[in-house]
Full PDB file with SEQRES, HELIX, SHEET, SSBOND, CRYST1, ORIGX, SCALE, CONECT and MASTER records, all heavy atoms in Angstrom:
SEQRES   1 A   41  GLN ARG SER GLU PRO MET GLU ARG GLY GLN ALA ALA ALA          
SEQRES   2 A   41  LEU LEU PRO LEU ILE ALA ALA VAL LEU ALA GLU ALA GLY          
SEQRES   3 A   41  ARG PRO ALA SER GLY LEU ASP LEU VAL ALA VAL THR VAL          
SEQRES   4 A   41  GLY PRO                                                      
HELIX    1 AA1 GLN A   10  ALA A   25  1                                  16    
HELIX    2 AA2 ALA A   29  GLY A   31  5                                   3    
CRYST1    1.000    1.000    1.000  90.00  90.00  90.00 P 1           1          
ORIGX1      1.000000  0.000000  0.000000        0.00000                         
ORIGX2      0.000000  1.000000  0.000000        0.00000                         
ORIGX3      0.000000  0.000000  1.000000        0.00000                         
SCALE1      1.000000  0.000000  0.000000        0.00000                         
SCALE2      0.000000  1.000000  0.000000        0.00000                         
SCALE3      0.000000  0.000000  1.000000        0.00000                         
ATOM      1  N   GLN A   1      19.044  74.804   2.537  1.00  0.00           N  
ATOM      2  CA  GLN A   1      18.911  76.251   2.741  1.00  0.00           C  
ATOM      3  C   GLN A   1      18.721  76.942   1.373  1.00  0.00           C  
ATOM      4  O   GLN A   1      19.464  76.597   0.447  1.00  0.00           O  
ATOM      5  CB  GLN A   1      20.095  76.817   3.416  1.00  0.00           C  
ATOM      6  CG  GLN A   1      20.025  78.337   3.635  1.00  0.00           C  
ATOM      7  CD  GLN A   1      21.166  78.829   4.482  1.00  0.00           C  
ATOM      8  OE1 GLN A   1      21.876  78.107   5.133  1.00  0.00           O  
ATOM      9  NE2 GLN A   1      21.341  80.152   4.514  1.00  0.00           N  
ATOM     10  N   ARG A   2      17.739  77.822   1.298  1.00  0.00           N  
ATOM     11  CA  ARG A   2      17.511  78.556   0.028  1.00  0.00           C  
ATOM     12  C   ARG A   2      17.016  79.950   0.422  1.00  0.00           C  
ATOM     13  O   ARG A   2      16.285  80.166   1.349  1.00  0.00           O  
ATOM     14  CB  ARG A   2      16.484  77.927  -0.855  1.00  0.00           C  
ATOM     15  CG  ARG A   2      16.841  76.545  -1.331  1.00  0.00           C  
ATOM     16  CD  ARG A   2      15.860  76.079  -2.420  1.00  0.00           C  
ATOM     17  NE  ARG A   2      16.151  74.712  -2.796  1.00  0.00           N  
ATOM     18  CZ  ARG A   2      15.552  74.095  -3.850  1.00  0.00           C  
ATOM     19  NH1 ARG A   2      14.688  74.716  -4.504  1.00  0.00           N  
ATOM     20  NH2 ARG A   2      15.902  72.869  -4.117  1.00  0.00           N  
ATOM     21  N   SER A   3      17.520  80.953  -0.311  1.00  0.00           N  
ATOM     22  CA  SER A   3      17.119  82.386  -0.107  1.00  0.00           C  
ATOM     23  C   SER A   3      16.994  83.002  -1.415  1.00  0.00           C  
ATOM     24  O   SER A   3      17.838  82.813  -2.360  1.00  0.00           O  
ATOM     25  CB  SER A   3      18.116  83.118   0.729  1.00  0.00           C  
ATOM     26  OG  SER A   3      18.156  82.639   2.070  1.00  0.00           O  
ATOM     27  N   GLU A   4      15.965  83.844  -1.588  1.00  0.00           N  
ATOM     28  CA  GLU A   4      15.774  84.559  -2.838  1.00  0.00           C  
ATOM     29  C   GLU A   4      15.456  86.024  -2.505  1.00  0.00           C  
ATOM     30  O   GLU A   4      14.556  86.320  -1.759  1.00  0.00           O  
ATOM     31  CB  GLU A   4      14.608  83.942  -3.653  1.00  0.00           C  
ATOM     32  CG  GLU A   4      14.782  82.500  -4.052  1.00  0.00           C  
ATOM     33  CD  GLU A   4      13.555  81.955  -4.714  1.00  0.00           C  
ATOM     34  OE1 GLU A   4      12.614  82.748  -4.988  1.00  0.00           O  
ATOM     35  OE2 GLU A   4      13.498  80.768  -4.957  1.00  0.00           O  
ATOM     36  N   PRO A   5      16.210  87.000  -3.121  1.00  0.00           N  
ATOM     37  CA  PRO A   5      15.867  88.422  -2.966  1.00  0.00           C  
ATOM     38  C   PRO A   5      14.553  88.733  -3.695  1.00  0.00           C  
ATOM     39  O   PRO A   5      14.364  88.274  -4.768  1.00  0.00           O  
ATOM     40  CB  PRO A   5      17.053  89.135  -3.542  1.00  0.00           C  
ATOM     41  CG  PRO A   5      17.669  88.190  -4.536  1.00  0.00           C  
ATOM     42  CD  PRO A   5      17.394  86.756  -3.982  1.00  0.00           C  
ATOM     43  N   MET A   6      13.749  89.508  -3.144  1.00  0.00           N  
ATOM     44  CA  MET A   6      12.519  89.979  -3.757  1.00  0.00           C  
ATOM     45  C   MET A   6      11.892  91.119  -2.918  1.00  0.00           C  
ATOM     46  O   MET A   6      11.914  91.127  -1.750  1.00  0.00           O  
ATOM     47  CB  MET A   6      11.466  88.782  -3.901  1.00  0.00           C  
ATOM     48  CG  MET A   6      11.014  88.128  -2.588  1.00  0.00           C  
ATOM     49  SD  MET A   6       9.908  86.795  -2.864  1.00  0.00           S  
ATOM     50  CE  MET A   6      10.979  85.593  -3.661  1.00  0.00           C  
ATOM     51  N   GLU A   7      11.404  92.073  -3.628  1.00  0.00           N  
ATOM     52  CA  GLU A   7      10.744  93.225  -3.014  1.00  0.00           C  
ATOM     53  C   GLU A   7       9.277  92.919  -2.666  1.00  0.00           C  
ATOM     54  O   GLU A   7       8.780  93.359  -1.666  1.00  0.00           O  
ATOM     55  CB  GLU A   7      10.798  94.455  -3.954  1.00  0.00           C  
ATOM     56  CG  GLU A   7      12.162  95.080  -4.130  1.00  0.00           C  
ATOM     57  CD  GLU A   7      12.652  95.746  -2.898  1.00  0.00           C  
ATOM     58  OE1 GLU A   7      11.836  96.114  -2.015  1.00  0.00           O  
ATOM     59  OE2 GLU A   7      13.923  95.990  -2.806  1.00  0.00           O  
ATOM     60  N   ARG A   8       8.645  92.053  -3.500  1.00  0.00           N  
ATOM     61  CA  ARG A   8       7.303  91.659  -3.216  1.00  0.00           C  
ATOM     62  C   ARG A   8       7.115  90.277  -3.786  1.00  0.00           C  
ATOM     63  O   ARG A   8       7.971  89.774  -4.506  1.00  0.00           O  
ATOM     64  CB  ARG A   8       6.285  92.640  -3.765  1.00  0.00           C  
ATOM     65  CG  ARG A   8       6.504  92.969  -5.223  1.00  0.00           C  
ATOM     66  CD  ARG A   8       5.491  93.967  -5.679  1.00  0.00           C  
ATOM     67  NE  ARG A   8       5.687  95.290  -5.009  1.00  0.00           N  
ATOM     68  CZ  ARG A   8       6.497  96.177  -5.374  1.00  0.00           C  
ATOM     69  NH1 ARG A   8       7.325  96.002  -6.439  1.00  0.00           N  
ATOM     70  NH2 ARG A   8       6.556  97.303  -4.715  1.00  0.00           N  
ATOM     71  N   GLY A   9       5.967  89.640  -3.465  1.00  0.00           N  
ATOM     72  CA  GLY A   9       5.719  88.303  -3.938  1.00  0.00           C  
ATOM     73  C   GLY A   9       6.034  87.215  -2.964  1.00  0.00           C  
ATOM     74  O   GLY A   9       5.939  86.031  -3.306  1.00  0.00           O  
ATOM     75  N   GLN A  10       6.311  87.576  -1.683  1.00  0.00           N  
ATOM     76  CA  GLN A  10       6.618  86.621  -0.713  1.00  0.00           C  
ATOM     77  C   GLN A  10       5.446  85.664  -0.414  1.00  0.00           C  
ATOM     78  O   GLN A  10       5.642  84.485  -0.134  1.00  0.00           O  
ATOM     79  CB  GLN A  10       7.041  87.274   0.628  1.00  0.00           C  
ATOM     80  CG  GLN A  10       8.392  87.928   0.559  1.00  0.00           C  
ATOM     81  CD  GLN A  10       8.397  89.394   0.126  1.00  0.00           C  
ATOM     82  OE1 GLN A  10       7.437  89.770  -0.555  1.00  0.00           O  
ATOM     83  NE2 GLN A  10       9.402  90.128   0.448  1.00  0.00           N  
ATOM     84  N   ALA A  11       4.208  86.171  -0.552  1.00  0.00           N  
ATOM     85  CA  ALA A  11       3.037  85.317  -0.283  1.00  0.00           C  
ATOM     86  C   ALA A  11       3.029  84.098  -1.182  1.00  0.00           C  
ATOM     87  O   ALA A  11       2.651  83.029  -0.801  1.00  0.00           O  
ATOM     88  CB  ALA A  11       1.770  86.190  -0.494  1.00  0.00           C  
ATOM     89  N   ALA A  12       3.409  84.280  -2.452  1.00  0.00           N  
ATOM     90  CA  ALA A  12       3.359  83.179  -3.414  1.00  0.00           C  
ATOM     91  C   ALA A  12       4.674  82.352  -3.260  1.00  0.00           C  
ATOM     92  O   ALA A  12       4.587  81.165  -3.594  1.00  0.00           O  
ATOM     93  CB  ALA A  12       3.277  83.723  -4.859  1.00  0.00           C  
ATOM     94  N   ALA A  13       5.778  82.954  -2.809  1.00  0.00           N  
ATOM     95  CA  ALA A  13       7.059  82.189  -2.848  1.00  0.00           C  
ATOM     96  C   ALA A  13       7.304  81.391  -1.580  1.00  0.00           C  
ATOM     97  O   ALA A  13       8.019  80.373  -1.612  1.00  0.00           O  
ATOM     98  CB  ALA A  13       8.179  83.207  -3.025  1.00  0.00           C  
ATOM     99  N   LEU A  14       6.763  81.749  -0.400  1.00  0.00           N  
ATOM    100  CA  LEU A  14       7.149  81.217   0.806  1.00  0.00           C  
ATOM    101  C   LEU A  14       6.859  79.692   0.967  1.00  0.00           C  
ATOM    102  O   LEU A  14       7.753  78.909   1.256  1.00  0.00           O  
ATOM    103  CB  LEU A  14       6.479  81.920   2.030  1.00  0.00           C  
ATOM    104  CG  LEU A  14       6.840  81.382   3.400  1.00  0.00           C  
ATOM    105  CD1 LEU A  14       8.340  81.467   3.659  1.00  0.00           C  
ATOM    106  CD2 LEU A  14       6.057  82.066   4.480  1.00  0.00           C  
ATOM    107  N   LEU A  15       5.627  79.247   0.771  1.00  0.00           N  
ATOM    108  CA  LEU A  15       5.307  77.886   0.962  1.00  0.00           C  
ATOM    109  C   LEU A  15       6.001  76.940   0.000  1.00  0.00           C  
ATOM    110  O   LEU A  15       6.530  75.888   0.382  1.00  0.00           O  
ATOM    111  CB  LEU A  15       3.810  77.688   0.926  1.00  0.00           C  
ATOM    112  CG  LEU A  15       3.022  78.255   2.090  1.00  0.00           C  
ATOM    113  CD1 LEU A  15       1.539  78.027   1.953  1.00  0.00           C  
ATOM    114  CD2 LEU A  15       3.597  77.768   3.422  1.00  0.00           C  
ATOM    115  N   PRO A  16       6.129  77.283  -1.315  1.00  0.00           N  
ATOM    116  CA  PRO A  16       6.949  76.468  -2.220  1.00  0.00           C  
ATOM    117  C   PRO A  16       8.442  76.412  -1.778  1.00  0.00           C  
ATOM    118  O   PRO A  16       9.090  75.334  -1.864  1.00  0.00           O  
ATOM    119  CB  PRO A  16       6.797  77.114  -3.567  1.00  0.00           C  
ATOM    120  CG  PRO A  16       5.509  77.813  -3.489  1.00  0.00           C  
ATOM    121  CD  PRO A  16       5.406  78.325  -2.115  1.00  0.00           C  
ATOM    122  N   LEU A  17       8.949  77.476  -1.238  1.00  0.00           N  
ATOM    123  CA  LEU A  17      10.319  77.506  -0.791  1.00  0.00           C  
ATOM    124  C   LEU A  17      10.478  76.579   0.441  1.00  0.00           C  
ATOM    125  O   LEU A  17      11.448  75.829   0.517  1.00  0.00           O  
ATOM    126  CB  LEU A  17      10.709  78.933  -0.468  1.00  0.00           C  
ATOM    127  CG  LEU A  17      12.220  79.203  -0.257  1.00  0.00           C  
ATOM    128  CD1 LEU A  17      12.977  78.923  -1.550  1.00  0.00           C  
ATOM    129  CD2 LEU A  17      12.433  80.605   0.254  1.00  0.00           C  
ATOM    130  N   ILE A  18       9.553  76.642   1.339  1.00  0.00           N  
ATOM    131  CA  ILE A  18       9.573  75.775   2.497  1.00  0.00           C  
ATOM    132  C   ILE A  18       9.480  74.295   2.047  1.00  0.00           C  
ATOM    133  O   ILE A  18      10.260  73.419   2.575  1.00  0.00           O  
ATOM    134  CB  ILE A  18       8.448  76.080   3.458  1.00  0.00           C  
ATOM    135  CG1 ILE A  18       8.723  77.414   4.159  1.00  0.00           C  
ATOM    136  CG2 ILE A  18       8.259  75.027   4.494  1.00  0.00           C  
ATOM    137  CD1 ILE A  18       7.569  77.953   5.007  1.00  0.00           C  
ATOM    138  N   ALA A  19       8.546  74.015   1.143  1.00  0.00           N  
ATOM    139  CA  ALA A  19       8.468  72.668   0.645  1.00  0.00           C  
ATOM    140  C   ALA A  19       9.743  72.166  -0.019  1.00  0.00           C  
ATOM    141  O   ALA A  19      10.171  70.977   0.178  1.00  0.00           O  
ATOM    142  CB  ALA A  19       7.289  72.557  -0.365  1.00  0.00           C  
ATOM    143  N   ALA A  20      10.423  73.067  -0.758  1.00  0.00           N  
ATOM    144  CA  ALA A  20      11.656  72.686  -1.403  1.00  0.00           C  
ATOM    145  C   ALA A  20      12.796  72.371  -0.402  1.00  0.00           C  
ATOM    146  O   ALA A  20      13.473  71.374  -0.597  1.00  0.00           O  
ATOM    147  CB  ALA A  20      12.096  73.844  -2.286  1.00  0.00           C  
ATOM    148  N   VAL A  21      12.897  73.124   0.657  1.00  0.00           N  
ATOM    149  CA  VAL A  21      13.986  72.794   1.650  1.00  0.00           C  
ATOM    150  C   VAL A  21      13.655  71.584   2.452  1.00  0.00           C  
ATOM    151  O   VAL A  21      14.559  70.809   2.837  1.00  0.00           O  
ATOM    152  CB  VAL A  21      14.355  74.023   2.505  1.00  0.00           C  
ATOM    153  CG1 VAL A  21      14.921  75.212   1.715  1.00  0.00           C  
ATOM    154  CG2 VAL A  21      13.097  74.475   3.359  1.00  0.00           C  
ATOM    155  N   LEU A  22      12.378  71.312   2.760  1.00  0.00           N  
ATOM    156  CA  LEU A  22      12.023  70.133   3.468  1.00  0.00           C  
ATOM    157  C   LEU A  22      12.313  68.919   2.592  1.00  0.00           C  
ATOM    158  O   LEU A  22      12.847  67.897   3.081  1.00  0.00           O  
ATOM    159  CB  LEU A  22      10.541  70.197   3.807  1.00  0.00           C  
ATOM    160  CG  LEU A  22      10.128  71.120   4.980  1.00  0.00           C  
ATOM    161  CD1 LEU A  22       8.630  71.153   5.098  1.00  0.00           C  
ATOM    162  CD2 LEU A  22      10.803  70.728   6.242  1.00  0.00           C  
ATOM    163  N   ALA A  23      12.011  69.038   1.291  1.00  0.00           N  
ATOM    164  CA  ALA A  23      12.272  67.865   0.425  1.00  0.00           C  
ATOM    165  C   ALA A  23      13.779  67.638   0.251  1.00  0.00           C  
ATOM    166  O   ALA A  23      14.206  66.490   0.248  1.00  0.00           O  
ATOM    167  CB  ALA A  23      11.637  68.120  -0.945  1.00  0.00           C  
ATOM    168  N   GLU A  24      14.567  68.716   0.130  1.00  0.00           N  
ATOM    169  CA  GLU A  24      15.969  68.546   0.003  1.00  0.00           C  
ATOM    170  C   GLU A  24      16.584  68.001   1.281  1.00  0.00           C  
ATOM    171  O   GLU A  24      17.579  67.181   1.249  1.00  0.00           O  
ATOM    172  CB  GLU A  24      16.603  69.944  -0.262  1.00  0.00           C  
ATOM    173  CG  GLU A  24      18.097  69.932  -0.507  1.00  0.00           C  
ATOM    174  CD  GLU A  24      18.661  71.249  -0.765  1.00  0.00           C  
ATOM    175  OE1 GLU A  24      17.906  72.161  -1.182  1.00  0.00           O  
ATOM    176  OE2 GLU A  24      19.877  71.482  -0.601  1.00  0.00           O  
ATOM    177  N   ALA A  25      16.033  68.255   2.481  1.00  0.00           N  
ATOM    178  CA  ALA A  25      16.537  67.768   3.723  1.00  0.00           C  
ATOM    179  C   ALA A  25      16.026  66.358   3.999  1.00  0.00           C  
ATOM    180  O   ALA A  25      16.521  65.740   4.940  1.00  0.00           O  
ATOM    181  CB  ALA A  25      16.117  68.750   4.856  1.00  0.00           C  
ATOM    182  N   GLY A  26      15.042  65.944   3.239  1.00  0.00           N  
ATOM    183  CA  GLY A  26      14.444  64.603   3.410  1.00  0.00           C  
ATOM    184  C   GLY A  26      13.612  64.495   4.668  1.00  0.00           C  
ATOM    185  O   GLY A  26      13.498  63.474   5.267  1.00  0.00           O  
ATOM    186  N   ARG A  27      12.935  65.653   4.977  1.00  0.00           N  
ATOM    187  CA  ARG A  27      12.099  65.688   6.136  1.00  0.00           C  
ATOM    188  C   ARG A  27      10.700  66.231   5.776  1.00  0.00           C  
ATOM    189  O   ARG A  27      10.548  67.301   5.204  1.00  0.00           O  
ATOM    190  CB  ARG A  27      12.684  66.651   7.236  1.00  0.00           C  
ATOM    191  CG  ARG A  27      13.913  66.098   7.902  1.00  0.00           C  
ATOM    192  CD  ARG A  27      13.550  64.964   8.845  1.00  0.00           C  
ATOM    193  NE  ARG A  27      14.682  64.530   9.635  1.00  0.00           N  
ATOM    194  CZ  ARG A  27      15.660  63.730   9.253  1.00  0.00           C  
ATOM    195  NH1 ARG A  27      15.608  63.202   8.067  1.00  0.00           N  
ATOM    196  NH2 ARG A  27      16.630  63.443  10.116  1.00  0.00           N  
ATOM    197  N   PRO A  28       9.623  65.486   6.109  1.00  0.00           N  
ATOM    198  CA  PRO A  28       8.272  65.996   5.983  1.00  0.00           C  
ATOM    199  C   PRO A  28       8.010  67.059   7.009  1.00  0.00           C  
ATOM    200  O   PRO A  28       8.691  67.104   8.072  1.00  0.00           O  
ATOM    201  CB  PRO A  28       7.414  64.736   6.068  1.00  0.00           C  
ATOM    202  CG  PRO A  28       8.167  63.911   6.991  1.00  0.00           C  
ATOM    203  CD  PRO A  28       9.590  64.109   6.702  1.00  0.00           C  
ATOM    204  N   ALA A  29       6.983  67.877   6.796  1.00  0.00           N  
ATOM    205  CA  ALA A  29       6.596  68.818   7.877  1.00  0.00           C  
ATOM    206  C   ALA A  29       6.283  68.149   9.191  1.00  0.00           C  
ATOM    207  O   ALA A  29       6.506  68.646  10.298  1.00  0.00           O  
ATOM    208  CB  ALA A  29       5.415  69.637   7.357  1.00  0.00           C  
ATOM    209  N   SER A  30       5.675  66.917   9.079  1.00  0.00           N  
ATOM    210  CA  SER A  30       5.345  66.191  10.283  1.00  0.00           C  
ATOM    211  C   SER A  30       6.621  65.708  11.057  1.00  0.00           C  
ATOM    212  O   SER A  30       6.483  65.278  12.208  1.00  0.00           O  
ATOM    213  CB  SER A  30       4.481  64.961   9.980  1.00  0.00           C  
ATOM    214  OG  SER A  30       5.140  64.127   9.008  1.00  0.00           O  
ATOM    215  N   GLY A  31       7.739  65.723  10.406  1.00  0.00           N  
ATOM    216  CA  GLY A  31       8.986  65.333  11.004  1.00  0.00           C  
ATOM    217  C   GLY A  31       9.780  66.462  11.747  1.00  0.00           C  
ATOM    218  O   GLY A  31      10.837  66.249  12.290  1.00  0.00           O  
ATOM    219  N   LEU A  32       9.157  67.683  11.696  1.00  0.00           N  
ATOM    220  CA  LEU A  32       9.801  68.816  12.358  1.00  0.00           C  
ATOM    221  C   LEU A  32       9.602  68.789  13.854  1.00  0.00           C  
ATOM    222  O   LEU A  32       8.574  68.279  14.369  1.00  0.00           O  
ATOM    223  CB  LEU A  32       9.295  70.109  11.830  1.00  0.00           C  
ATOM    224  CG  LEU A  32       9.562  70.450  10.331  1.00  0.00           C  
ATOM    225  CD1 LEU A  32       8.771  71.670   9.921  1.00  0.00           C  
ATOM    226  CD2 LEU A  32      11.077  70.686  10.178  1.00  0.00           C  
ATOM    227  N   ASP A  33      10.577  69.327  14.605  1.00  0.00           N  
ATOM    228  CA  ASP A  33      10.418  69.507  16.072  1.00  0.00           C  
ATOM    229  C   ASP A  33      10.179  70.923  16.481  1.00  0.00           C  
ATOM    230  O   ASP A  33       9.739  71.181  17.630  1.00  0.00           O  
ATOM    231  CB  ASP A  33      11.741  69.042  16.779  1.00  0.00           C  
ATOM    232  CG  ASP A  33      11.994  67.569  16.526  1.00  0.00           C  
ATOM    233  OD1 ASP A  33      11.206  66.706  16.917  1.00  0.00           O  
ATOM    234  OD2 ASP A  33      12.988  67.234  15.861  1.00  0.00           O  
ATOM    235  N   LEU A  34      10.489  71.881  15.627  1.00  0.00           N  
ATOM    236  CA  LEU A  34      10.367  73.300  15.940  1.00  0.00           C  
ATOM    237  C   LEU A  34      10.328  74.172  14.684  1.00  0.00           C  
ATOM    238  O   LEU A  34      11.004  73.779  13.667  1.00  0.00           O  
ATOM    239  CB  LEU A  34      11.522  73.747  16.829  1.00  0.00           C  
ATOM    240  CG  LEU A  34      11.553  75.175  17.304  1.00  0.00           C  
ATOM    241  CD1 LEU A  34      10.505  75.442  18.320  1.00  0.00           C  
ATOM    242  CD2 LEU A  34      12.953  75.556  17.908  1.00  0.00           C  
ATOM    243  N   VAL A  35       9.536  75.220  14.724  1.00  0.00           N  
ATOM    244  CA  VAL A  35       9.459  76.172  13.616  1.00  0.00           C  
ATOM    245  C   VAL A  35       9.916  77.518  14.177  1.00  0.00           C  
ATOM    246  O   VAL A  35       9.383  77.914  15.277  1.00  0.00           O  
ATOM    247  CB  VAL A  35       8.109  76.290  12.997  1.00  0.00           C  
ATOM    248  CG1 VAL A  35       8.069  77.361  11.944  1.00  0.00           C  
ATOM    249  CG2 VAL A  35       7.681  74.979  12.398  1.00  0.00           C  
ATOM    250  N   ALA A  36      10.807  78.254  13.504  1.00  0.00           N  
ATOM    251  CA  ALA A  36      11.255  79.514  13.879  1.00  0.00           C  
ATOM    252  C   ALA A  36      11.013  80.523  12.725  1.00  0.00           C  
ATOM    253  O   ALA A  36      11.288  80.153  11.584  1.00  0.00           O  
ATOM    254  CB  ALA A  36      12.700  79.528  14.278  1.00  0.00           C  
ATOM    255  N   VAL A  37      10.539  81.693  13.030  1.00  0.00           N  
ATOM    256  CA  VAL A  37      10.195  82.661  11.942  1.00  0.00           C  
ATOM    257  C   VAL A  37      10.593  84.055  12.467  1.00  0.00           C  
ATOM    258  O   VAL A  37      10.511  84.345  13.626  1.00  0.00           O  
ATOM    259  CB  VAL A  37       8.723  82.584  11.619  1.00  0.00           C  
ATOM    260  CG1 VAL A  37       7.815  82.962  12.783  1.00  0.00           C  
ATOM    261  CG2 VAL A  37       8.356  83.483  10.395  1.00  0.00           C  
ATOM    262  N   THR A  38      11.043  84.921  11.474  1.00  0.00           N  
ATOM    263  CA  THR A  38      11.235  86.327  11.855  1.00  0.00           C  
ATOM    264  C   THR A  38       9.929  87.060  12.033  1.00  0.00           C  
ATOM    265  O   THR A  38       8.966  86.803  11.316  1.00  0.00           O  
ATOM    266  CB  THR A  38      12.030  87.049  10.763  1.00  0.00           C  
ATOM    267  OG1 THR A  38      11.463  86.816   9.443  1.00  0.00           O  
ATOM    268  CG2 THR A  38      13.531  86.549  10.732  1.00  0.00           C  
ATOM    269  N   VAL A  39       9.906  87.881  13.080  1.00  0.00           N  
ATOM    270  CA  VAL A  39       8.668  88.616  13.401  1.00  0.00           C  
ATOM    271  C   VAL A  39       8.714  90.118  13.238  1.00  0.00           C  
ATOM    272  O   VAL A  39       7.889  90.857  13.652  1.00  0.00           O  
ATOM    273  CB  VAL A  39       8.246  88.283  14.871  1.00  0.00           C  
ATOM    274  CG1 VAL A  39       7.916  86.802  15.037  1.00  0.00           C  
ATOM    275  CG2 VAL A  39       9.358  88.670  15.839  1.00  0.00           C  
ATOM    276  N   GLY A  40       9.797  90.602  12.589  1.00  0.00           N  
ATOM    277  CA  GLY A  40       9.916  91.962  12.298  1.00  0.00           C  
ATOM    278  C   GLY A  40      10.956  92.691  13.206  1.00  0.00           C  
ATOM    279  O   GLY A  40      11.585  92.053  14.016  1.00  0.00           O  
ATOM    280  N   PRO A  41      11.010  93.984  13.018  1.00  0.00           N  
ATOM    281  CA  PRO A  41      10.163  94.796  12.088  1.00  0.00           C  
ATOM    282  C   PRO A  41      10.442  94.552  10.629  1.00  0.00           C  
ATOM    283  O   PRO A  41      11.495  94.019  10.263  1.00  0.00           O  
ATOM    284  CB  PRO A  41      10.487  96.236  12.501  1.00  0.00           C  
ATOM    285  CG  PRO A  41      11.841  96.195  13.020  1.00  0.00           C  
ATOM    286  CD  PRO A  41      11.958  94.855  13.719  1.00  0.00           C  
TER     287      PRO A  41                                                      
MASTER        0    0    0    2    0    0    0    6  286    1    0    4          
END                                                                             
């Protein structure tokens, strides 16, 4: 699990952050069973 406060810049930060937690968990994206994301507001 990782979280970073930021007002902007999420577009550049999100995918590297996802890659980092997948690597730390020892799971490739192909090994996932479900993806959950916040949808707002």
